[in-house]
Amino acid sequence: MLGALRHWWPPIAYMVLIWIGSSLSNPVSVESLPFRDKGVHALEYAILAVLLARALAGGPARRSPLKCALLALVLAVGWGYLDELHQAFVPSRDASLLDVLADALGASLGSTAFWIHALWRSRAR
């Protein structure tokens, strides 16, 4: 149990941080950042997908990297959808399908990066 927890605490902690950030009625403005809001969403969920894929790959089941990447993609996009739904109930925030799409794009990039890295590592051995 503790071995599995070792792999899962980073993505769970990161998901909690995402949830806390989206609970803020007046979040920090990202309009001055180069990629703006959608870029931040994409980056945020790319990181989440990598963390989820690492947790899935490091668990006792030892799934293939492709399965880990695909499952991480599904979990990250699901979390993005739930987070947007949650924001619909936060004062001065709203839910946005475009944010979910940016989350999905980022999760796709993160999952793909995890998979390519895993393939590269297996071929390097």
N, C-alpha and C. Protein backbone atom coordinates (compact mmCIF):
# COMPACT_ATOMS: atom_id res chain seq x y z
N MET A 1 0.82 -1.20 0.00
CA MET A 1 0.00 0.00 0.00
C MET A 1 0.86 1.26 0.00
N LEU A 2 1.89 1.28 0.84
CA LEU A 2 2.75 2.47 0.90
C LEU A 2 3.52 2.67 -0.39
N GLY A 3 3.86 1.57 -1.08
CA GLY A 3 4.55 1.68 -2.36
C GLY A 3 3.70 2.36 -3.40
N ALA A 4 2.42 1.98 -3.44
CA ALA A 4 1.50 2.60 -4.40
C ALA A 4 1.27 4.06 -4.04
N LEU A 5 1.17 4.36 -2.77
CA LEU A 5 0.96 5.74 -2.32
C LEU A 5 2.13 6.62 -2.74
N ARG A 6 3.32 6.05 -2.72
CA ARG A 6 4.52 6.80 -3.11
C ARG A 6 4.39 7.32 -4.54
N HIS A 7 3.76 6.53 -5.40
CA HIS A 7 3.58 6.95 -6.79
C HIS A 7 2.40 7.89 -6.98
N TRP A 8 1.42 7.79 -6.11
CA TRP A 8 0.17 8.52 -6.31
C TRP A 8 0.09 9.87 -5.61
N TRP A 9 0.95 10.12 -4.60
CA TRP A 9 0.79 11.40 -3.91
C TRP A 9 1.08 12.61 -4.80
N PRO A 10 2.06 12.57 -5.73
CA PRO A 10 2.26 13.77 -6.57
C PRO A 10 1.06 14.14 -7.43
N PRO A 11 0.44 13.20 -8.18
CA PRO A 11 -0.72 13.64 -8.97
C PRO A 11 -1.91 14.05 -8.11
N ILE A 12 -2.10 13.37 -6.98
CA ILE A 12 -3.23 13.74 -6.11
C ILE A 12 -3.01 15.12 -5.52
N ALA A 13 -1.80 15.40 -5.06
CA ALA A 13 -1.49 16.73 -4.52
C ALA A 13 -1.67 17.81 -5.59
N TYR A 14 -1.24 17.51 -6.80
CA TYR A 14 -1.36 18.46 -7.91
C TYR A 14 -2.83 18.70 -8.25
N MET A 15 -3.64 17.65 -8.22
CA MET A 15 -5.07 17.79 -8.49
C MET A 15 -5.74 18.64 -7.42
N VAL A 16 -5.31 18.48 -6.18
CA VAL A 16 -5.84 19.31 -5.10
C VAL A 16 -5.47 20.77 -5.33
N LEU A 17 -4.24 21.03 -5.76
CA LEU A 17 -3.82 22.41 -6.05
C LEU A 17 -4.65 23.01 -7.18
N ILE A 18 -4.93 22.23 -8.22
CA ILE A 18 -5.78 22.71 -9.31
C ILE A 18 -7.16 23.08 -8.77
N TRP A 19 -7.70 22.20 -7.94
CA TRP A 19 -9.05 22.41 -7.37
C TRP A 19 -9.07 23.67 -6.50
N ILE A 20 -8.05 23.84 -5.68
CA ILE A 20 -7.97 25.03 -4.82
C ILE A 20 -7.87 26.29 -5.68
N GLY A 21 -7.03 26.25 -6.70
CA GLY A 21 -6.89 27.41 -7.58
C GLY A 21 -8.18 27.78 -8.28
N SER A 22 -8.94 26.78 -8.68
CA SER A 22 -10.20 27.07 -9.37
C SER A 22 -11.32 27.43 -8.40
N SER A 23 -11.07 27.29 -7.11
CA SER A 23 -12.05 27.68 -6.09
C SER A 23 -11.97 29.16 -5.74
N LEU A 24 -10.92 29.82 -6.21
CA LEU A 24 -10.73 31.23 -5.90
C LEU A 24 -11.66 32.09 -6.74
N SER A 25 -12.39 32.97 -6.08
CA SER A 25 -13.30 33.85 -6.81
C SER A 25 -12.56 34.88 -7.66
N ASN A 26 -11.42 35.32 -7.19
CA ASN A 26 -10.62 36.31 -7.92
C ASN A 26 -9.23 35.76 -8.14
N PRO A 27 -9.06 34.86 -9.13
CA PRO A 27 -7.74 34.27 -9.34
C PRO A 27 -6.74 35.28 -9.89
N VAL A 28 -5.48 34.93 -9.81
CA VAL A 28 -4.42 35.78 -10.36
C VAL A 28 -4.63 35.87 -11.87
N SER A 29 -4.55 37.05 -12.40
CA SER A 29 -4.76 37.24 -13.83
C SER A 29 -3.58 36.68 -14.61
N VAL A 30 -3.89 35.94 -15.66
CA VAL A 30 -2.84 35.39 -16.52
C VAL A 30 -2.82 36.10 -17.87
N GLU A 31 -3.55 37.20 -17.97
CA GLU A 31 -3.63 37.92 -19.24
C GLU A 31 -2.28 38.47 -19.68
N SER A 32 -1.37 38.71 -18.74
CA SER A 32 -0.07 39.26 -19.10
C SER A 32 0.92 38.16 -19.53
N LEU A 33 0.57 36.90 -19.34
CA LEU A 33 1.45 35.81 -19.73
C LEU A 33 1.41 35.61 -21.24
N PRO A 34 2.51 35.10 -21.81
CA PRO A 34 2.57 34.96 -23.27
C PRO A 34 1.46 34.08 -23.85
N PHE A 35 1.12 32.98 -23.21
CA PHE A 35 0.12 32.07 -23.76
C PHE A 35 -1.27 32.35 -23.23
N ARG A 36 -1.35 33.23 -22.28
CA ARG A 36 -2.62 33.61 -21.68
C ARG A 36 -3.31 32.42 -21.03
N ASP A 37 -4.58 32.52 -20.87
CA ASP A 37 -5.36 31.55 -20.11
C ASP A 37 -5.31 30.14 -20.69
N LYS A 38 -5.51 29.99 -21.97
CA LYS A 38 -5.57 28.65 -22.58
C LYS A 38 -4.21 27.96 -22.52
N GLY A 39 -3.15 28.73 -22.67
CA GLY A 39 -1.81 28.16 -22.54
C GLY A 39 -1.53 27.65 -21.15
N VAL A 40 -2.00 28.40 -20.16
CA VAL A 40 -1.83 27.97 -18.77
C VAL A 40 -2.61 26.68 -18.53
N HIS A 41 -3.83 26.62 -19.06
CA HIS A 41 -4.62 25.39 -18.94
C HIS A 41 -3.88 24.21 -19.57
N ALA A 42 -3.36 24.40 -20.77
CA ALA A 42 -2.67 23.33 -21.47
C ALA A 42 -1.44 22.86 -20.69
N LEU A 43 -0.65 23.80 -20.22
CA LEU A 43 0.54 23.45 -19.45
C LEU A 43 0.16 22.73 -18.15
N GLU A 44 -0.83 23.24 -17.47
CA GLU A 44 -1.29 22.66 -16.21
C GLU A 44 -1.70 21.19 -16.39
N TYR A 45 -2.43 20.91 -17.46
CA TYR A 45 -2.93 19.55 -17.67
C TYR A 45 -1.91 18.65 -18.36
N ALA A 46 -0.93 19.21 -19.03
CA ALA A 46 0.19 18.40 -19.54
C ALA A 46 0.97 17.84 -18.35
N ILE A 47 1.22 18.69 -17.37
CA ILE A 47 1.92 18.25 -16.16
C ILE A 47 1.09 17.19 -15.43
N LEU A 48 -0.20 17.42 -15.31
CA LEU A 48 -1.07 16.45 -14.63
C LEU A 48 -1.03 15.10 -15.34
N ALA A 49 -1.10 15.10 -16.66
CA ALA A 49 -1.07 13.84 -17.41
C ALA A 49 0.24 13.08 -17.19
N VAL A 50 1.35 13.79 -17.17
CA VAL A 50 2.64 13.13 -16.92
C VAL A 50 2.66 12.54 -15.52
N LEU A 51 2.20 13.30 -14.54
CA LEU A 51 2.17 12.78 -13.16
C LEU A 51 1.28 11.55 -13.04
N LEU A 52 0.12 11.60 -13.68
CA LEU A 52 -0.79 10.45 -13.64
C LEU A 52 -0.18 9.24 -14.35
N ALA A 53 0.43 9.45 -15.50
CA ALA A 53 1.05 8.34 -16.23
C ALA A 53 2.18 7.71 -15.42
N ARG A 54 2.97 8.53 -14.77
CA ARG A 54 4.06 8.02 -13.92
C ARG A 54 3.50 7.18 -12.78
N ALA A 55 2.41 7.66 -12.17
CA ALA A 55 1.79 6.90 -11.07
C ALA A 55 1.25 5.57 -11.58
N LEU A 56 0.62 5.60 -12.72
CA LEU A 56 0.07 4.36 -13.29
C LEU A 56 1.18 3.39 -13.68
N ALA A 57 2.28 3.89 -14.19
CA ALA A 57 3.39 3.03 -14.61
C ALA A 57 4.15 2.47 -13.41
N GLY A 58 4.14 3.18 -12.31
CA GLY A 58 4.92 2.75 -11.16
C GLY A 58 4.18 1.87 -10.18
N GLY A 59 2.92 1.64 -10.44
CA GLY A 59 2.13 0.82 -9.52
C GLY A 59 2.42 -0.66 -9.68
N PRO A 60 1.75 -1.47 -8.88
CA PRO A 60 2.01 -2.91 -8.90
C PRO A 60 1.59 -3.59 -10.20
N ALA A 61 0.68 -3.01 -10.96
CA ALA A 61 0.19 -3.66 -12.18
C ALA A 61 1.23 -3.61 -13.30
N ARG A 62 2.11 -2.65 -13.28
CA ARG A 62 3.14 -2.49 -14.31
C ARG A 62 2.54 -2.55 -15.72
N ARG A 63 1.68 -1.61 -16.00
CA ARG A 63 1.03 -1.53 -17.31
C ARG A 63 2.04 -1.07 -18.37
N SER A 64 1.67 -1.27 -19.62
CA SER A 64 2.52 -0.79 -20.70
C SER A 64 2.49 0.74 -20.73
N PRO A 65 3.57 1.36 -21.22
CA PRO A 65 3.59 2.83 -21.28
C PRO A 65 2.44 3.42 -22.09
N LEU A 66 2.06 2.75 -23.18
CA LEU A 66 0.95 3.26 -23.98
C LEU A 66 -0.35 3.23 -23.20
N LYS A 67 -0.62 2.15 -22.48
CA LYS A 67 -1.84 2.07 -21.67
C LYS A 67 -1.82 3.12 -20.57
N CYS A 68 -0.66 3.33 -19.96
CA CYS A 68 -0.54 4.36 -18.92
C CYS A 68 -0.82 5.74 -19.49
N ALA A 69 -0.26 6.01 -20.67
CA ALA A 69 -0.46 7.32 -21.31
C ALA A 69 -1.92 7.54 -21.65
N LEU A 70 -2.57 6.52 -22.21
CA LEU A 70 -3.98 6.66 -22.59
C LEU A 70 -4.88 6.82 -21.37
N LEU A 71 -4.63 6.03 -20.34
CA LEU A 71 -5.44 6.15 -19.12
C LEU A 71 -5.20 7.49 -18.44
N ALA A 72 -3.96 7.95 -18.43
CA ALA A 72 -3.65 9.27 -17.87
C ALA A 72 -4.38 10.36 -18.63
N LEU A 73 -4.44 10.23 -19.95
CA LEU A 73 -5.16 11.21 -20.77
C LEU A 73 -6.64 11.25 -20.37
N VAL A 74 -7.25 10.10 -20.26
CA VAL A 74 -8.67 10.03 -19.88
C VAL A 74 -8.89 10.63 -18.49
N LEU A 75 -8.03 10.26 -17.54
CA LEU A 75 -8.18 10.78 -16.17
C LEU A 75 -7.98 12.29 -16.11
N ALA A 76 -6.97 12.80 -16.81
CA ALA A 76 -6.69 14.24 -16.79
C ALA A 76 -7.83 15.03 -17.43
N VAL A 77 -8.34 14.56 -18.56
CA VAL A 77 -9.44 15.26 -19.22
C VAL A 77 -10.69 15.19 -18.34
N GLY A 78 -10.92 14.05 -17.70
CA GLY A 78 -12.05 13.93 -16.78
C GLY A 78 -11.93 14.91 -15.62
N TRP A 79 -10.72 15.05 -15.09
CA TRP A 79 -10.51 16.00 -13.99
C TRP A 79 -10.72 17.44 -14.49
N GLY A 80 -10.27 17.72 -15.69
CA GLY A 80 -10.49 19.06 -16.26
C GLY A 80 -11.97 19.37 -16.41
N TYR A 81 -12.73 18.38 -16.87
CA TYR A 81 -14.18 18.56 -17.00
C TYR A 81 -14.82 18.81 -15.63
N LEU A 82 -14.46 17.98 -14.65
CA LEU A 82 -15.03 18.17 -13.31
C LEU A 82 -14.63 19.52 -12.72
N ASP A 83 -13.41 19.94 -12.98
CA ASP A 83 -12.95 21.22 -12.46
C ASP A 83 -13.73 22.37 -13.09
N GLU A 84 -13.99 22.30 -14.38
CA GLU A 84 -14.79 23.35 -15.03
C GLU A 84 -16.22 23.34 -14.50
N LEU A 85 -16.78 22.18 -14.29
CA LEU A 85 -18.11 22.07 -13.70
C LEU A 85 -18.13 22.71 -12.31
N HIS A 86 -17.08 22.44 -11.54
CA HIS A 86 -16.94 23.02 -10.20
C HIS A 86 -16.89 24.55 -10.27
N GLN A 87 -16.19 25.08 -11.27
CA GLN A 87 -16.06 26.54 -11.39
C GLN A 87 -17.40 27.22 -11.68
N ALA A 88 -18.34 26.48 -12.23
CA ALA A 88 -19.66 27.05 -12.50
C ALA A 88 -20.36 27.47 -11.22
N PHE A 89 -19.92 26.92 -10.09
CA PHE A 89 -20.54 27.22 -8.80
C PHE A 89 -19.70 28.16 -7.94
N VAL A 90 -18.59 28.62 -8.47
CA VAL A 90 -17.71 29.55 -7.74
C VAL A 90 -18.09 30.97 -8.14
N PRO A 91 -18.34 31.85 -7.17
CA PRO A 91 -18.70 33.24 -7.50
C PRO A 91 -17.65 33.90 -8.40
N SER A 92 -18.10 34.61 -9.38
CA SER A 92 -17.32 35.34 -10.38
C SER A 92 -16.47 34.43 -11.29
N ARG A 93 -16.77 33.16 -11.32
CA ARG A 93 -16.11 32.22 -12.23
C ARG A 93 -17.18 31.59 -13.11
N ASP A 94 -16.76 30.99 -14.20
CA ASP A 94 -17.71 30.27 -15.04
C ASP A 94 -17.03 29.05 -15.65
N ALA A 95 -17.86 28.15 -16.15
CA ALA A 95 -17.36 26.95 -16.82
C ALA A 95 -17.19 27.28 -18.30
N SER A 96 -16.14 26.72 -18.89
CA SER A 96 -15.86 27.02 -20.29
C SER A 96 -15.46 25.75 -21.04
N LEU A 97 -16.16 25.49 -22.12
CA LEU A 97 -15.80 24.35 -22.97
C LEU A 97 -14.42 24.56 -23.59
N LEU A 98 -14.07 25.80 -23.89
CA LEU A 98 -12.75 26.08 -24.45
C LEU A 98 -11.64 25.75 -23.45
N ASP A 99 -11.90 25.97 -22.16
CA ASP A 99 -10.92 25.58 -21.15
C ASP A 99 -10.76 24.07 -21.10
N VAL A 100 -11.86 23.33 -21.22
CA VAL A 100 -11.78 21.87 -21.24
C VAL A 100 -10.99 21.41 -22.47
N LEU A 101 -11.19 22.06 -23.59
CA LEU A 101 -10.45 21.71 -24.80
C LEU A 101 -8.95 22.01 -24.63
N ALA A 102 -8.63 23.12 -23.99
CA ALA A 102 -7.23 23.44 -23.72
C ALA A 102 -6.64 22.42 -22.74
N ASP A 103 -7.43 22.01 -21.75
CA ASP A 103 -6.98 20.96 -20.82
C ASP A 103 -6.71 19.67 -21.58
N ALA A 104 -7.61 19.31 -22.50
CA ALA A 104 -7.47 18.08 -23.28
C ALA A 104 -6.23 18.14 -24.18
N LEU A 105 -5.99 19.29 -24.78
CA LEU A 105 -4.80 19.45 -25.61
C LEU A 105 -3.54 19.26 -24.77
N GLY A 106 -3.50 19.92 -23.63
CA GLY A 106 -2.34 19.79 -22.75
C GLY A 106 -2.16 18.36 -22.26
N ALA A 107 -3.25 17.71 -21.86
CA ALA A 107 -3.18 16.33 -21.40
C ALA A 107 -2.69 15.41 -22.52
N SER A 108 -3.12 15.69 -23.75
CA SER A 108 -2.66 14.90 -24.90
C SER A 108 -1.15 15.06 -25.10
N LEU A 109 -0.69 16.30 -24.99
CA LEU A 109 0.75 16.55 -25.15
C LEU A 109 1.56 15.89 -24.03
N GLY A 110 1.07 16.00 -22.80
CA GLY A 110 1.77 15.39 -21.67
C GLY A 110 1.79 13.87 -21.76
N SER A 111 0.66 13.28 -22.13
CA SER A 111 0.59 11.82 -22.27
C SER A 111 1.50 11.34 -23.39
N THR A 112 1.51 12.07 -24.49
CA THR A 112 2.38 11.70 -25.61
C THR A 112 3.85 11.83 -25.23
N ALA A 113 4.19 12.88 -24.52
CA ALA A 113 5.58 13.06 -24.07
C ALA A 113 5.99 11.91 -23.14
N PHE A 114 5.09 11.51 -22.23
CA PHE A 114 5.39 10.38 -21.34
C PHE A 114 5.65 9.12 -22.16
N TRP A 115 4.79 8.84 -23.12
CA TRP A 115 4.89 7.63 -23.93
C TRP A 115 6.18 7.62 -24.75
N ILE A 116 6.49 8.75 -25.39
CA ILE A 116 7.73 8.83 -26.19
C ILE A 116 8.95 8.66 -25.29
N HIS A 117 8.93 9.29 -24.14
CA HIS A 117 10.05 9.15 -23.20
C HIS A 117 10.21 7.69 -22.76
N ALA A 118 9.10 7.02 -22.48
CA ALA A 118 9.16 5.61 -22.06
C ALA A 118 9.71 4.73 -23.19
N LEU A 119 9.29 5.01 -24.43
CA LEU A 119 9.83 4.24 -25.56
C LEU A 119 11.32 4.48 -25.71
N TRP A 120 11.73 5.72 -25.60
CA TRP A 120 13.15 6.07 -25.72
C TRP A 120 13.96 5.37 -24.64
N ARG A 121 13.46 5.36 -23.41
CA ARG A 121 14.18 4.70 -22.31
C ARG A 121 14.27 3.20 -22.52
N SER A 122 13.21 2.58 -23.02
CA SER A 122 13.24 1.13 -23.23
C SER A 122 14.19 0.75 -24.36
N ARG A 123 14.30 1.60 -25.36
CA ARG A 123 15.23 1.32 -26.47
C ARG A 123 16.67 1.61 -26.08
N ALA A 124 16.86 2.51 -25.14
CA ALA A 124 18.21 2.86 -24.69
C ALA A 124 18.83 1.76 -23.84
N ARG A 125 18.00 0.91 -23.29
CA ARG A 125 18.52 -0.18 -22.44
C ARG A 125 19.10 -1.22 -23.26
